[in-house]
């Protein structure tokens, strides 16, 4: 307000609004304009303006208004055009729309806008629109090309709730299982090195590996088996036999669609133990739906960084120590079910 005297122009909008209302109130009570101007340390001209506004529009005419342009004012793209671009970015990758690459950048979104509406934007200009649309720059999740999104949706909304209800009716236990391989030449952890030059880890020609099968429940239970043979139907039956031995009620075990899980040998074994265990299969190419995948990642991160196993027996012992440790930490096992893609297991 250019009519204010002294530093009144630096007051907050709320303070200026309060002065206007108090000044008009004083005038309405019969005080002289010069007296009011002196009282509130403003010019007589300002007091006259406030009084005129109050007479024309009442109290609302004296209230503060947001400064600057209104939201959406003078935007190059209309609201409809903005909605179209936003939805295109959410529903497609650039190569779907005749552009290059699979990840959206501000430059590519600018190209899309030009392709659609023949309007050029700088990258900062595109960034302002993206912020307004509620979009942020994120690391994308990876999905198998063959994954069926409809099958995943059916699993979350229909199949999994049905399995949970059936297990509850059976007074049974639900577990998620998966197998993992650990190699002696696997590099875990990080080390220091010169910027721009990746450190090199020297490996011997003596390579060996072990495998493990584990199963976890939301109650924090963990069961596992470490073995050196290749995973096949016989190994699966051995694991199932050991698993049911730990329960006095029916087990509902959820696994992926590995060929060993669906083999004739396993089906025959299950038929002979149908009162003890039942197998359920996740959708194809959907490892992110299995919380036991987080156990596998945890195992590989947790292998010793300072000492490497010198032979297969040492590697197997290190793997067993990890699983024994997690069995004594049910809070960590329950935590696997808090992963972003597996929280659905906990949703009622």
Protein backbone atom coordinates (compact mmCIF):
# COMPACT_ATOMS: atom_id res chain seq x y z
CA UNK A 1 0.00 0.00 0.00
CA UNK A 2 1.79 3.11 -1.24
CA UNK A 3 -0.28 5.43 1.04
CA UNK A 4 1.11 4.01 4.27
CA UNK A 5 3.55 6.17 6.18
CA UNK A 6 6.94 4.99 7.41
CA UNK A 7 7.54 1.25 7.35
CA UNK A 8 3.88 0.23 7.31
CA UNK A 9 4.39 -1.20 3.81
CA UNK A 10 6.55 -3.92 5.34
CA UNK A 11 3.72 -5.12 7.61
CA UNK A 12 2.23 -8.52 6.97
CA UNK A 13 -1.07 -8.69 5.03
CA UNK A 14 -2.81 -9.66 8.26
CA UNK A 15 -1.44 -6.65 10.13
CA UNK A 16 -2.44 -4.28 7.30
CA UNK A 17 -5.92 -5.79 7.23
CA UNK A 18 -6.31 -5.30 10.99
CA UNK A 19 -5.28 -1.60 10.73
CA UNK A 20 -7.81 -1.00 7.93
CA UNK A 21 -10.64 -2.55 9.93
CA UNK A 22 -9.76 -0.71 13.13
CA UNK A 23 -9.42 2.61 11.28
CA UNK A 24 -12.84 2.28 9.63
CA UNK A 25 -14.34 1.23 12.96
CA UNK A 26 -12.95 4.40 14.55
CA UNK A 27 -14.40 6.54 11.75
CA UNK A 28 -17.78 4.85 12.17
CA UNK A 29 -17.70 5.80 15.87
CA UNK A 30 -17.39 9.46 14.85
CA UNK A 31 -13.68 10.11 15.15
CA UNK A 32 -12.06 12.67 12.84
CA UNK A 33 -10.10 11.41 9.81
CA UNK A 34 -6.97 13.32 10.81
CA UNK A 35 -7.19 11.87 14.34
CA UNK A 36 -7.54 8.34 12.92
CA UNK A 37 -4.62 8.85 10.54
CA UNK A 38 -2.43 10.05 13.41
CA UNK A 39 -3.56 7.22 15.70
CA UNK A 40 -2.64 4.47 13.22
CA UNK A 41 0.36 6.34 11.73
CA UNK A 42 -1.00 6.35 8.17
CA UNK A 43 -1.82 9.15 5.73
CA UNK A 44 -5.20 10.87 5.66
CA UNK A 45 -5.47 9.80 2.03
CA UNK A 46 -5.21 6.13 3.05
CA UNK A 47 -7.97 6.63 5.63
CA UNK A 48 -10.18 8.23 2.94
CA UNK A 49 -9.57 5.28 0.59
CA UNK A 50 -10.47 2.72 3.26
CA UNK A 51 -13.62 4.59 4.16
CA UNK A 52 -14.69 4.74 0.49
CA UNK A 53 -14.05 1.01 0.05
CA UNK A 54 -16.02 0.20 3.20
CA UNK A 55 -18.98 2.26 2.04
CA UNK A 56 -18.90 0.59 -1.40
CA UNK A 57 -18.28 -3.02 -0.41
CA UNK A 58 -18.52 -3.32 3.33
CA UNK A 59 -16.08 -5.29 5.47
CA UNK A 60 -15.12 -7.70 2.63
CA UNK A 61 -13.68 -4.78 0.64
CA UNK A 62 -11.05 -4.25 3.36
CA UNK A 63 -9.87 -7.85 3.64
CA UNK A 64 -6.46 -8.83 2.28
CA UNK A 65 -6.31 -10.59 -1.07
CA UNK A 66 -3.65 -13.14 -2.13
CA UNK A 67 -0.82 -11.39 -3.92
CA UNK A 68 0.48 -12.35 -7.34
CA UNK A 69 -1.27 -14.25 -10.09
CA UNK A 70 -4.14 -16.56 -9.32
CA UNK A 71 -3.46 -20.27 -9.70
CA UNK A 72 -3.67 -21.17 -13.36
CA UNK A 73 -3.74 -17.53 -14.56
CA UNK A 74 -1.84 -16.88 -17.81
CA UNK A 75 -0.78 -20.54 -18.20
CA UNK A 76 0.22 -21.50 -21.74
CA UNK A 77 -1.55 -24.88 -21.56
CA UNK A 78 -5.23 -25.04 -20.71
CA UNK A 79 -6.43 -27.22 -17.85
CA UNK A 80 -7.66 -29.82 -20.36
CA UNK A 81 -4.31 -29.88 -22.18
CA UNK A 82 -2.43 -30.19 -18.90
CA UNK A 83 -4.62 -33.11 -17.82
CA UNK A 84 -3.95 -34.85 -21.15
CA UNK A 85 -0.16 -34.54 -20.80
CA UNK A 86 -0.19 -35.64 -17.15
CA UNK A 87 -2.23 -38.75 -17.95
CA UNK A 88 0.00 -39.60 -20.91
CA UNK A 89 3.07 -39.51 -18.64
CA UNK A 90 1.38 -41.73 -16.03
CA UNK A 91 -0.08 -44.26 -18.48
CA UNK A 92 2.71 -44.62 -21.06
CA UNK A 93 6.47 -44.73 -21.50
CA UNK A 94 8.06 -42.38 -24.07
CA UNK A 95 8.57 -45.04 -26.77
CA UNK A 96 4.82 -45.81 -26.66
CA UNK A 97 4.21 -42.28 -27.95
CA UNK A 98 6.83 -42.14 -30.69
CA UNK A 99 9.61 -40.68 -28.52
CA UNK A 100 12.91 -42.28 -27.51
CA UNK A 101 13.59 -44.22 -24.32
CA UNK A 102 11.56 -45.80 -21.54
CA UNK A 103 11.94 -43.16 -18.80
CA UNK A 104 10.36 -39.72 -18.74
CA UNK A 105 12.62 -36.68 -18.39
CA UNK A 106 11.64 -33.01 -18.44
CA UNK A 107 13.13 -32.79 -21.92
CA UNK A 108 11.04 -35.68 -23.23
CA UNK A 109 7.89 -34.30 -21.63
CA UNK A 110 8.68 -31.00 -23.37
CA UNK A 111 8.94 -32.90 -26.67
CA UNK A 112 5.59 -34.55 -25.97
CA UNK A 113 3.97 -31.15 -25.33
CA UNK A 114 5.39 -29.79 -28.60
CA UNK A 115 4.23 -32.91 -30.47
CA UNK A 116 0.70 -32.53 -29.10
CA UNK A 117 0.21 -28.75 -28.98
CA UNK A 118 3.11 -27.20 -30.98
CA UNK A 119 4.27 -25.22 -27.93
CA UNK A 120 7.93 -25.11 -26.86
CA UNK A 121 8.89 -25.22 -23.18
CA UNK A 122 12.23 -25.00 -21.40
CA UNK A 123 13.04 -27.80 -18.95
CA UNK A 124 12.48 -25.50 -15.93
CA UNK A 125 9.11 -24.57 -17.46
CA UNK A 126 8.17 -28.24 -17.76
CA UNK A 127 9.35 -28.74 -14.17
CA UNK A 128 6.89 -26.12 -12.90
CA UNK A 129 4.02 -27.95 -14.56
CA UNK A 130 5.21 -31.29 -13.14
CA UNK A 131 5.29 -29.83 -9.63
CA UNK A 132 1.79 -28.41 -10.12
CA UNK A 133 0.57 -31.83 -11.27
CA UNK A 134 1.95 -33.55 -8.17
CA UNK A 135 4.56 -35.58 -10.08
CA UNK A 136 8.05 -36.25 -8.66
CA UNK A 137 11.26 -37.72 -10.08
CA UNK A 138 11.44 -41.35 -8.87
CA UNK A 139 13.33 -44.58 -9.39
CA UNK A 140 10.94 -46.91 -11.27
CA UNK A 141 10.14 -50.45 -10.17
CA UNK A 142 11.17 -53.21 -12.56
CA UNK A 143 8.55 -55.67 -13.83
CA UNK A 144 8.90 -58.72 -16.02
CA UNK A 145 7.57 -58.10 -19.52
CA UNK A 146 5.50 -61.27 -19.25
CA UNK A 147 3.88 -60.28 -15.96
CA UNK A 148 0.09 -60.14 -16.26
CA UNK A 149 -1.19 -57.06 -14.48
CA UNK A 150 -4.70 -58.48 -14.47
CA UNK A 151 -3.44 -61.68 -12.80
CA UNK A 152 -1.67 -59.61 -10.13
CA UNK A 153 -4.84 -57.66 -9.46
CA UNK A 154 -6.88 -60.87 -9.19
CA UNK A 155 -4.29 -62.27 -6.77
CA UNK A 156 -4.47 -59.22 -4.50
CA UNK A 157 -8.24 -58.76 -4.59
CA UNK A 158 -9.57 -62.31 -4.87
CA UNK A 159 -7.07 -65.19 -4.62
CA UNK A 160 -5.10 -64.06 -1.56
CA UNK A 161 -8.21 -63.10 0.49
CA UNK A 162 -9.70 -66.52 -0.34
CA UNK A 163 -6.54 -68.33 0.80
CA UNK A 164 -6.47 -66.34 4.04
CA UNK A 165 -10.16 -67.09 4.69
CA UNK A 166 -9.65 -70.80 3.98
CA UNK A 167 -6.66 -70.99 6.33
CA UNK A 168 -8.68 -69.28 9.04
CA UNK A 169 -11.52 -71.75 8.58
CA UNK A 170 -9.03 -74.66 8.80
CA UNK A 171 -7.37 -73.09 11.86
CA UNK A 172 -4.27 -73.38 9.68
CA UNK A 173 -1.01 -71.49 9.23
CA UNK A 174 -0.11 -69.44 6.13
CA UNK A 175 3.54 -69.23 5.07
CA UNK A 176 5.33 -67.77 2.06
CA UNK A 177 8.32 -69.74 0.74
CA UNK A 178 11.11 -69.33 -1.79
CA UNK A 179 14.50 -70.78 -2.67
CA UNK A 180 17.79 -68.89 -3.06
CA UNK A 181 21.30 -69.64 -4.25
CA UNK A 182 24.43 -68.16 -2.65
CA UNK A 183 27.75 -68.12 -4.56
CA UNK A 184 31.25 -67.80 -3.19
CA UNK A 185 32.18 -65.12 -5.76
CA UNK A 186 29.21 -62.93 -4.92
CA UNK A 187 30.35 -59.43 -3.92
CA UNK A 188 28.38 -57.89 -1.06
CA UNK A 189 28.80 -54.53 0.58
CA UNK A 190 30.87 -51.52 -0.54
CA UNK A 191 34.49 -50.37 -0.35
CA UNK A 192 36.37 -47.10 -0.85
CA UNK A 193 38.03 -46.25 -4.13
CA UNK A 194 39.07 -43.36 -6.37
CA UNK A 195 36.18 -41.30 -7.74
CA UNK A 196 35.28 -42.44 -11.26
CA UNK A 197 37.21 -45.73 -10.99
CA UNK A 198 35.38 -48.74 -9.61
CA UNK A 199 37.45 -50.85 -7.17
CA UNK A 200 38.34 -54.35 -8.40
CA UNK A 201 37.85 -57.46 -6.28
CA UNK A 202 40.25 -60.27 -7.21
CA UNK A 203 38.63 -63.69 -7.34
CA UNK A 204 40.14 -67.15 -7.29
CA UNK A 205 39.09 -69.85 -9.69
CA UNK A 206 37.71 -71.87 -6.77
CA UNK A 207 33.98 -71.14 -7.06
CA UNK A 208 31.28 -72.94 -5.13
CA UNK A 209 27.71 -72.35 -4.03
CA UNK A 210 24.99 -73.49 -1.66
CA UNK A 211 21.22 -73.25 -1.86
CA UNK A 212 18.54 -72.63 0.72
CA UNK A 213 14.76 -72.88 1.02
CA UNK A 214 12.91 -70.81 3.58
CA UNK A 215 9.34 -70.11 4.65
CA UNK A 216 8.03 -67.26 6.81
CA UNK A 217 4.75 -66.26 8.44
CA UNK A 218 3.29 -62.95 9.63
CA UNK A 219 3.64 -64.27 13.19
CA UNK A 220 7.42 -64.06 12.87
CA UNK A 221 8.05 -67.77 12.32
CA UNK A 222 10.85 -68.86 10.01
CA UNK A 223 11.69 -72.36 8.75
CA UNK A 224 14.60 -73.16 6.46
CA UNK A 225 16.75 -75.84 4.89
CA UNK A 226 20.28 -75.38 3.48
CA UNK A 227 21.49 -77.84 0.85
CA UNK A 228 24.28 -78.20 -1.69
CA UNK A 229 22.38 -80.05 -4.42
CA UNK A 230 20.55 -78.31 -7.25
CA UNK A 231 16.96 -77.44 -6.40
CA UNK A 232 14.50 -79.96 -7.84
CA UNK A 233 11.28 -81.81 -7.00
CA UNK A 234 13.00 -84.20 -4.56
CA UNK A 235 14.50 -81.30 -2.63
CA UNK A 236 11.09 -79.63 -2.56
CA UNK A 237 9.48 -82.78 -1.12
CA UNK A 238 12.20 -83.00 1.51
CA UNK A 239 11.56 -79.40 2.54
CA UNK A 240 7.79 -79.95 2.66
CA UNK A 241 8.25 -83.06 4.79
CA UNK A 242 10.42 -81.16 7.26
CA UNK A 243 8.03 -78.20 7.29
CA UNK A 244 4.87 -80.12 8.17
CA UNK A 245 6.75 -81.84 10.98
CA UNK A 246 6.85 -78.49 12.82
CA UNK A 247 3.06 -78.00 12.80
CA UNK A 248 0.13 -79.76 14.42
CA UNK A 249 -2.30 -78.05 12.08
CA UNK A 250 -2.68 -77.60 8.34
CA UNK A 251 -0.14 -75.46 6.50
CA UNK A 252 -1.06 -73.27 3.54
CA UNK A 253 2.21 -72.66 1.69
CA UNK A 254 2.46 -69.95 -0.99
CA UNK A 255 5.21 -70.34 -3.59
CA UNK A 256 6.08 -69.17 -7.11
CA UNK A 257 5.49 -71.25 -10.24
CA UNK A 258 8.90 -72.91 -10.38
CA UNK A 259 8.69 -76.15 -12.38
CA UNK A 260 9.75 -78.17 -9.32
CA UNK A 261 6.80 -76.82 -7.32
CA UNK A 262 4.36 -77.99 -9.99
CA UNK A 263 6.07 -81.29 -10.82
CA UNK A 264 4.32 -84.66 -10.78
CA UNK A 265 6.57 -85.79 -7.92
CA UNK A 266 5.46 -82.89 -5.73
CA UNK A 267 1.80 -83.29 -6.70
CA UNK A 268 1.95 -86.95 -5.70
CA UNK A 269 3.56 -86.09 -2.37
CA UNK A 270 0.92 -83.44 -1.70
CA UNK A 271 -1.88 -85.88 -2.45
CA UNK A 272 -0.53 -88.15 0.30
CA UNK A 273 -0.37 -85.24 2.77
CA UNK A 274 -3.47 -83.22 1.82
CA UNK A 275 -4.61 -82.99 5.44
CA UNK A 276 -1.27 -81.50 6.46
CA UNK A 277 -0.39 -79.02 3.74
CA UNK A 278 -1.77 -77.29 0.67
CA UNK A 279 0.23 -75.42 -1.97
CA UNK A 280 -0.88 -72.12 -3.53
CA UNK A 281 0.84 -70.43 -6.49
CA UNK A 282 1.62 -66.75 -6.98
CA UNK A 283 0.98 -65.15 -10.39
CA UNK A 284 3.71 -65.75 -12.97
CA UNK A 285 6.72 -63.41 -13.03
CA UNK A 286 5.66 -61.64 -9.81
CA UNK A 287 8.45 -62.10 -7.23
CA UNK A 288 7.64 -58.73 -5.65
CA UNK A 289 4.43 -60.27 -4.24
CA UNK A 290 6.41 -62.78 -2.16
CA UNK A 291 7.73 -61.41 1.17
CA UNK A 292 10.21 -64.32 1.34
CA UNK A 293 12.09 -62.61 -1.52
CA UNK A 294 13.07 -60.00 1.08
CA UNK A 295 14.61 -62.79 3.16
CA UNK A 296 16.80 -63.71 0.19
CA UNK A 297 17.94 -60.12 -0.24
CA UNK A 298 18.62 -59.86 3.49
CA UNK A 299 20.70 -63.05 3.39
CA UNK A 300 22.94 -61.79 0.61
CA UNK A 301 23.43 -58.43 2.32
CA UNK A 302 24.21 -60.09 5.64
CA UNK A 303 26.95 -62.47 4.51
CA UNK A 304 30.31 -61.54 6.09
CA UNK A 305 32.17 -58.75 4.31
CA UNK A 306 35.49 -59.16 6.10
CA UNK A 307 35.90 -62.93 5.73
CA UNK A 308 34.98 -64.98 2.69
CA UNK A 309 34.15 -68.65 2.92
CA UNK A 310 37.07 -70.76 1.71
CA UNK A 311 34.97 -73.77 0.79
CA UNK A 312 31.40 -74.95 0.39
CA UNK A 313 31.15 -76.18 3.99
CA UNK A 314 32.06 -72.72 5.34
CA UNK A 315 29.57 -71.03 3.01
CA UNK A 316 26.82 -73.42 4.11
CA UNK A 317 27.70 -72.76 7.78
CA UNK A 318 27.51 -68.97 7.25
CA UNK A 319 24.13 -69.36 5.54
CA UNK A 320 22.78 -71.49 8.39
CA UNK A 321 24.02 -68.94 10.95
CA UNK A 322 22.03 -66.23 9.17
CA UNK A 323 18.80 -68.26 9.30
CA UNK A 324 19.32 -69.31 12.92
CA UNK A 325 19.87 -65.66 13.83
CA UNK A 326 16.68 -64.56 12.10
CA UNK A 327 14.71 -67.35 13.82
CA UNK A 328 15.64 -65.69 17.11
CA UNK A 329 14.51 -62.31 15.75
CA UNK A 330 10.78 -62.68 14.99
CA UNK A 331 10.38 -58.89 14.88
CA UNK A 332 12.68 -58.81 11.83
CA UNK A 333 10.76 -61.67 10.20
CA UNK A 334 7.50 -59.81 10.73
CA UNK A 335 9.19 -56.74 9.27
CA UNK A 336 9.63 -58.47 5.90
CA UNK A 337 5.85 -58.15 5.48
CA UNK A 338 6.11 -54.36 5.72
CA UNK A 339 7.73 -54.07 2.29
CA UNK A 340 5.90 -51.76 -0.10
CA UNK A 341 4.72 -54.50 -2.45
CA UNK A 342 3.87 -57.11 0.19
CA UNK A 343 1.88 -55.04 2.68
CA UNK A 344 -1.26 -56.42 1.06
CA UNK A 345 -0.64 -59.60 3.10
CA UNK A 346 -1.36 -57.65 6.29
CA UNK A 347 -4.45 -55.85 4.98
CA UNK A 348 -7.72 -57.23 6.25
